[in-house]
Amino acid sequence: MKLKSHSGLKKRVKISGRGKIMFQKPGKRHLLINKSKRQKATHNMGMPSHGSDVSKIKRLLPQSF
């Protein structure tokens, strides 16, 4: 039986060219007028996921690896 990928996680996680699992920081969707330029700029880069979450993510996205 073919394994299915978790569709909710596919939308929230990207895999970088080096194989790292990256996710977006929260807080860049709305109410941006109140936030400083520095605070908004730090959200542009994706963050690598924590090492303890990698095994869970690999289990939920079997086709990506």
PDB file of N, CA and C in Angstrom:
ATOM      1  N   MET A   1       0.835  -1.178   0.000  1.00  0.00           N
ATOM      2  CA  MET A   1       0.000   0.000   0.000  1.00  0.00           C
ATOM      3  C   MET A   1       0.888   1.252   0.000  1.00  0.00           C
ATOM      4  N   LYS A   2       0.529   2.210  -0.818  1.00  0.00           N
ATOM      5  CA  LYS A   2       1.338   3.419  -0.963  1.00  0.00           C
ATOM      6  C   LYS A   2       1.107   4.364   0.220  1.00  0.00           C
ATOM      7  N   LEU A   3       2.203   4.935   0.738  1.00  0.00           N
ATOM      8  CA  LEU A   3       2.103   5.892   1.829  1.00  0.00           C
ATOM      9  C   LEU A   3       1.682   7.252   1.296  1.00  0.00           C
ATOM     10  N   LYS A   4       0.858   7.938   2.054  1.00  0.00           N
ATOM     11  CA  LYS A   4       0.418   9.276   1.669  1.00  0.00           C
ATOM     12  C   LYS A   4       1.165  10.318   2.489  1.00  0.00           C
ATOM     13  N   SER A   5       1.491  11.442   1.854  1.00  0.00           N
ATOM     14  CA  SER A   5       2.123  12.552   2.552  1.00  0.00           C
ATOM     15  C   SER A   5       1.065  13.333   3.318  1.00  0.00           C
ATOM     16  N   HIS A   6       1.479  13.947   4.408  1.00  0.00           N
ATOM     17  CA  HIS A   6       0.587  14.771   5.212  1.00  0.00           C
ATOM     18  C   HIS A   6       0.406  16.105   4.506  1.00  0.00           C
ATOM     19  N   SER A   7      -0.795  16.367   4.006  1.00  0.00           N
ATOM     20  CA  SER A   7      -1.006  17.538   3.150  1.00  0.00           C
ATOM     21  C   SER A   7      -0.870  18.847   3.913  1.00  0.00           C
ATOM     22  N   GLY A   8      -1.185  18.866   5.204  1.00  0.00           N
ATOM     23  CA  GLY A   8      -1.033  20.090   5.986  1.00  0.00           C
ATOM     24  C   GLY A   8       0.426  20.449   6.194  1.00  0.00           C
ATOM     25  N   LEU A   9       1.262  19.445   6.378  1.00  0.00           N
ATOM     26  CA  LEU A   9       2.687  19.693   6.592  1.00  0.00           C
ATOM     27  C   LEU A   9       3.385  20.083   5.290  1.00  0.00           C
ATOM     28  N   LYS A  10       2.898  19.581   4.166  1.00  0.00           N
ATOM     29  CA  LYS A  10       3.488  19.952   2.873  1.00  0.00           C
ATOM     30  C   LYS A  10       3.410  21.454   2.629  1.00  0.00           C
ATOM     31  N   LYS A  11       2.350  22.088   3.140  1.00  0.00           N
ATOM     32  CA  LYS A  11       2.151  23.512   2.927  1.00  0.00           C
ATOM     33  C   LYS A  11       3.016  24.366   3.849  1.00  0.00           C
ATOM     34  N   ARG A  12       3.497  23.803   4.952  1.00  0.00           N
ATOM     35  CA  ARG A  12       4.195  24.574   5.965  1.00  0.00           C
ATOM     36  C   ARG A  12       5.701  24.379   5.972  1.00  0.00           C
ATOM     37  N   VAL A  13       6.195  23.402   5.230  1.00  0.00           N
ATOM     38  CA  VAL A  13       7.608  23.038   5.285  1.00  0.00           C
ATOM     39  C   VAL A  13       8.177  22.979   3.878  1.00  0.00           C
ATOM     40  N   LYS A  14       9.384  23.497   3.703  1.00  0.00           N
ATOM     41  CA  LYS A  14      10.103  23.380   2.428  1.00  0.00           C
ATOM     42  C   LYS A  14      11.431  22.703   2.709  1.00  0.00           C
ATOM     43  N   ILE A  15      11.953  21.978   1.718  1.00  0.00           N
ATOM     44  CA  ILE A  15      13.246  21.326   1.863  1.00  0.00           C
ATOM     45  C   ILE A  15      14.252  22.107   1.031  1.00  0.00           C
ATOM     46  N   SER A  16      15.315  22.565   1.681  1.00  0.00           N
ATOM     47  CA  SER A  16      16.310  23.396   1.015  1.00  0.00           C
ATOM     48  C   SER A  16      17.164  22.543   0.079  1.00  0.00           C
ATOM     49  N   GLY A  17      18.015  23.211  -0.677  1.00  0.00           N
ATOM     50  CA  GLY A  17      18.895  22.502  -1.610  1.00  0.00           C
ATOM     51  C   GLY A  17      19.874  21.574  -0.927  1.00  0.00           C
ATOM     52  N   ARG A  18      20.213  21.888   0.315  1.00  0.00           N
ATOM     53  CA  ARG A  18      21.142  21.046   1.070  1.00  0.00           C
ATOM     54  C   ARG A  18      20.428  19.955   1.854  1.00  0.00           C
ATOM     55  N   GLY A  19      19.105  19.877   1.721  1.00  0.00           N
ATOM     56  CA  GLY A  19      18.345  18.834   2.392  1.00  0.00           C
ATOM     57  C   GLY A  19      17.855  19.197   3.779  1.00  0.00           C
ATOM     58  N   LYS A  20      18.007  20.460   4.175  1.00  0.00           N
ATOM     59  CA  LYS A  20      17.502  20.874   5.480  1.00  0.00           C
ATOM     60  C   LYS A  20      16.012  21.169   5.379  1.00  0.00           C
ATOM     61  N   ILE A  21      15.308  20.902   6.442  1.00  0.00           N
ATOM     62  CA  ILE A  21      13.879  21.160   6.496  1.00  0.00           C
ATOM     63  C   ILE A  21      13.691  22.568   7.047  1.00  0.00           C
ATOM     64  N   MET A  22      13.074  23.439   6.232  1.00  0.00           N
ATOM     65  CA  MET A  22      12.917  24.845   6.598  1.00  0.00           C
ATOM     66  C   MET A  22      11.437  25.158   6.805  1.00  0.00           C
ATOM     67  N   PHE A  23      11.161  26.078   7.734  1.00  0.00           N
ATOM     68  CA  PHE A  23       9.805  26.547   7.948  1.00  0.00           C
ATOM     69  C   PHE A  23       9.829  28.058   8.117  1.00  0.00           C
ATOM     70  N   GLN A  24       8.684  28.707   7.897  1.00  0.00           N
ATOM     71  CA  GLN A  24       8.586  30.151   8.043  1.00  0.00           C
ATOM     72  C   GLN A  24       8.305  30.510   9.488  1.00  0.00           C
ATOM     73  N   LYS A  25       8.887  31.582   9.950  1.00  0.00           N
ATOM     74  CA  LYS A  25       8.575  32.088  11.281  1.00  0.00           C
ATOM     75  C   LYS A  25       7.161  32.660  11.278  1.00  0.00           C
ATOM     76  N   PRO A  26       6.451  32.545  12.380  1.00  0.00           N
ATOM     77  CA  PRO A  26       5.127  33.163  12.444  1.00  0.00           C
ATOM     78  C   PRO A  26       5.239  34.671  12.655  1.00  0.00           C
ATOM     79  N   GLY A  27       4.180  35.399  12.317  1.00  0.00           N
ATOM     80  CA  GLY A  27       4.117  36.816  12.619  1.00  0.00           C
ATOM     81  C   GLY A  27       4.322  37.737  11.441  1.00  0.00           C
ATOM     82  N   LYS A  28       4.161  37.266  10.212  1.00  0.00           N
ATOM     83  CA  LYS A  28       4.355  38.140   9.053  1.00  0.00           C
ATOM     84  C   LYS A  28       3.121  38.131   8.154  1.00  0.00           C
ATOM     85  N   ARG A  29       1.951  37.936   8.719  1.00  0.00           N
ATOM     86  CA  ARG A  29       0.732  37.872   7.918  1.00  0.00           C
ATOM     87  C   ARG A  29      -0.093  39.152   7.985  1.00  0.00           C
ATOM     88  N   HIS A  30      -0.216  39.713   9.181  1.00  0.00           N
ATOM     89  CA  HIS A  30      -1.061  40.894   9.332  1.00  0.00           C
ATOM     90  C   HIS A  30      -0.515  41.725  10.487  1.00  0.00           C
ATOM     91  N   LEU A  31      -1.092  42.911  10.687  1.00  0.00           N
ATOM     92  CA  LEU A  31      -0.658  43.874  11.698  1.00  0.00           C
ATOM     93  C   LEU A  31       0.806  44.267  11.503  1.00  0.00           C
ATOM     94  N   LEU A  32       1.217  44.469  10.249  1.00  0.00           N
ATOM     95  CA  LEU A  32       2.613  44.764   9.952  1.00  0.00           C
ATOM     96  C   LEU A  32       2.978  46.222  10.184  1.00  0.00           C
ATOM     97  N   ILE A  33       1.987  47.094  10.287  1.00  0.00           N
ATOM     98  CA  ILE A  33       2.265  48.505  10.530  1.00  0.00           C
ATOM     99  C   ILE A  33       2.899  48.686  11.904  1.00  0.00           C
ATOM    100  N   ASN A  34       2.479  47.900  12.869  1.00  0.00           N
ATOM    101  CA  ASN A  34       2.970  48.030  14.240  1.00  0.00           C
ATOM    102  C   ASN A  34       4.367  47.443  14.425  1.00  0.00           C
ATOM    103  N   LYS A  35       4.847  46.664  13.478  1.00  0.00           N
ATOM    104  CA  LYS A  35       6.135  45.986  13.635  1.00  0.00           C
ATOM    105  C   LYS A  35       7.254  46.802  12.987  1.00  0.00           C
ATOM    106  N   SER A  36       8.440  46.710  13.562  1.00  0.00           N
ATOM    107  CA  SER A  36       9.576  47.465  13.046  1.00  0.00           C
ATOM    108  C   SER A  36      10.121  46.813  11.772  1.00  0.00           C
ATOM    109  N   LYS A  37      10.942  47.579  11.030  1.00  0.00           N
ATOM    110  CA  LYS A  37      11.554  47.031   9.822  1.00  0.00           C
ATOM    111  C   LYS A  37      12.441  45.845  10.156  1.00  0.00           C
ATOM    112  N   ARG A  38      13.161  45.980  11.252  1.00  0.00           N
ATOM    113  CA  ARG A  38      14.060  44.900  11.668  1.00  0.00           C
ATOM    114  C   ARG A  38      13.282  43.624  11.987  1.00  0.00           C
ATOM    115  N   GLN A  39      12.177  43.768  12.665  1.00  0.00           N
ATOM    116  CA  GLN A  39      11.369  42.612  13.034  1.00  0.00           C
ATOM    117  C   GLN A  39      10.797  41.935  11.793  1.00  0.00           C
ATOM    118  N   LYS A  40      10.368  42.732  10.815  1.00  0.00           N
ATOM    119  CA  LYS A  40       9.825  42.169   9.578  1.00  0.00           C
ATOM    120  C   LYS A  40      10.915  41.525   8.736  1.00  0.00           C
ATOM    121  N   ALA A  41      12.112  42.094   8.755  1.00  0.00           N
ATOM    122  CA  ALA A  41      13.207  41.574   7.940  1.00  0.00           C
ATOM    123  C   ALA A  41      13.695  40.218   8.448  1.00  0.00           C
ATOM    124  N   THR A  42      13.637  40.002   9.752  1.00  0.00           N
ATOM    125  CA  THR A  42      14.109  38.727  10.283  1.00  0.00           C
ATOM    126  C   THR A  42      13.176  37.573   9.926  1.00  0.00           C
ATOM    127  N   HIS A  43      11.950  37.906   9.545  1.00  0.00           N
ATOM    128  CA  HIS A  43      10.994  36.865   9.166  1.00  0.00           C
ATOM    129  C   HIS A  43      11.147  36.428   7.710  1.00  0.00           C
ATOM    130  N   ASN A  44      11.952  37.140   6.918  1.00  0.00           N
ATOM    131  CA  ASN A  44      12.082  36.792   5.501  1.00  0.00           C
ATOM    132  C   ASN A  44      12.765  35.449   5.300  1.00  0.00           C
ATOM    133  N   MET A  45      13.762  35.174   6.102  1.00  0.00           N
ATOM    134  CA  MET A  45      14.519  33.937   5.938  1.00  0.00           C
ATOM    135  C   MET A  45      13.768  32.783   6.569  1.00  0.00           C
ATOM    136  N   GLY A  46      13.883  31.624   5.987  1.00  0.00           N
ATOM    137  CA  GLY A  46      13.298  30.453   6.606  1.00  0.00           C
ATOM    138  C   GLY A  46      14.183  29.967   7.738  1.00  0.00           C
ATOM    139  N   MET A  47      13.588  29.344   8.714  1.00  0.00           N
ATOM    140  CA  MET A  47      14.334  28.814   9.850  1.00  0.00           C
ATOM    141  C   MET A  47      14.474  27.305   9.685  1.00  0.00           C
ATOM    142  N   PRO A  48      15.630  26.741   9.983  1.00  0.00           N
ATOM    143  CA  PRO A  48      15.730  25.275   9.959  1.00  0.00           C
ATOM    144  C   PRO A  48      14.951  24.701  11.127  1.00  0.00           C
ATOM    145  N   SER A  49      14.300  23.569  10.896  1.00  0.00           N
ATOM    146  CA  SER A  49      13.516  22.967  11.969  1.00  0.00           C
ATOM    147  C   SER A  49      14.440  22.351  13.005  1.00  0.00           C
ATOM    148  N   HIS A  50      13.917  22.172  14.185  1.00  0.00           N
ATOM    149  CA  HIS A  50      14.693  21.643  15.302  1.00  0.00           C
ATOM    150  C   HIS A  50      15.025  20.175  15.047  1.00  0.00           C
ATOM    151  N   GLY A  51      16.155  19.739  15.537  1.00  0.00           N
ATOM    152  CA  GLY A  51      16.617  18.378  15.300  1.00  0.00           C
ATOM    153  C   GLY A  51      15.678  17.299  15.802  1.00  0.00           C
ATOM    154  N   SER A  52      14.957  17.574  16.895  1.00  0.00           N
ATOM    155  CA  SER A  52      14.045  16.571  17.428  1.00  0.00           C
ATOM    156  C   SER A  52      12.796  16.407  16.562  1.00  0.00           C
ATOM    157  N   ASP A  53      12.482  17.406  15.733  1.00  0.00           N
ATOM    158  CA  ASP A  53      11.298  17.331  14.877  1.00  0.00           C
ATOM    159  C   ASP A  53      11.573  16.661  13.541  1.00  0.00           C
ATOM    160  N   VAL A  54      12.835  16.487  13.186  1.00  0.00           N
ATOM    161  CA  VAL A  54      13.187  15.987  11.856  1.00  0.00           C
ATOM    162  C   VAL A  54      12.645  14.586  11.631  1.00  0.00           C
ATOM    163  N   SER A  55      12.749  13.717  12.616  1.00  0.00           N
ATOM    164  CA  SER A  55      12.274  12.344  12.433  1.00  0.00           C
ATOM    165  C   SER A  55      10.766  12.302  12.256  1.00  0.00           C
ATOM    166  N   LYS A  56      10.036  13.168  12.966  1.00  0.00           N
ATOM    167  CA  LYS A  56       8.576  13.225  12.822  1.00  0.00           C
ATOM    168  C   LYS A  56       8.196  13.716  11.434  1.00  0.00           C
ATOM    169  N   ILE A  57       8.918  14.743  10.955  1.00  0.00           N
ATOM    170  CA  ILE A  57       8.617  15.310   9.643  1.00  0.00           C
ATOM    171  C   ILE A  57       8.917  14.297   8.547  1.00  0.00           C
ATOM    172  N   LYS A  58      10.010  13.570   8.667  1.00  0.00           N
ATOM    173  CA  LYS A  58      10.353  12.562   7.662  1.00  0.00           C
ATOM    174  C   LYS A  58       9.309  11.454   7.598  1.00  0.00           C
ATOM    175  N   ARG A  59       8.725  11.133   8.744  1.00  0.00           N
ATOM    176  CA  ARG A  59       7.688  10.097   8.770  1.00  0.00           C
ATOM    177  C   ARG A  59       6.404  10.592   8.106  1.00  0.00           C
ATOM    178  N   LEU A  60       6.099  11.898   8.244  1.00  0.00           N
ATOM    179  CA  LEU A  60       4.866  12.440   7.665  1.00  0.00           C
ATOM    180  C   LEU A  60       5.013  12.782   6.183  1.00  0.00           C
ATOM    181  N   LEU A  61       6.258  12.979   5.707  1.00  0.00           N
ATOM    182  CA  LEU A  61       6.498  13.292   4.296  1.00  0.00           C
ATOM    183  C   LEU A  61       7.434  12.232   3.691  1.00  0.00           C
ATOM    184  N   PRO A  62       6.958  11.022   3.467  1.00  0.00           N
ATOM    185  CA  PRO A  62       7.856   9.966   3.002  1.00  0.00           C
ATOM    186  C   PRO A  62       8.366  10.164   1.574  1.00  0.00           C
ATOM    187  N   GLN A  63       7.616  10.823   0.686  1.00  0.00           N
ATOM    188  CA  GLN A  63       8.039  10.969  -0.706  1.00  0.00           C
ATOM    189  C   GLN A  63       9.094  12.056  -0.884  1.00  0.00           C
ATOM    190  N   SER A  64       9.268  12.931   0.083  1.00  0.00           N
ATOM    191  CA  SER A  64      10.180  14.061  -0.076  1.00  0.00           C
ATOM    192  C   SER A  64      11.636  13.701   0.141  1.00  0.00           C
ATOM    193  N   PHE A  65      11.901  12.552   0.769  1.00  0.00           N
ATOM    194  CA  PHE A  65      13.278  12.225   1.120  1.00  0.00           C
ATOM    195  C   PHE A  65      13.773  11.020   0.374  1.00  0.00           C
TER     196      PHE A  65
END
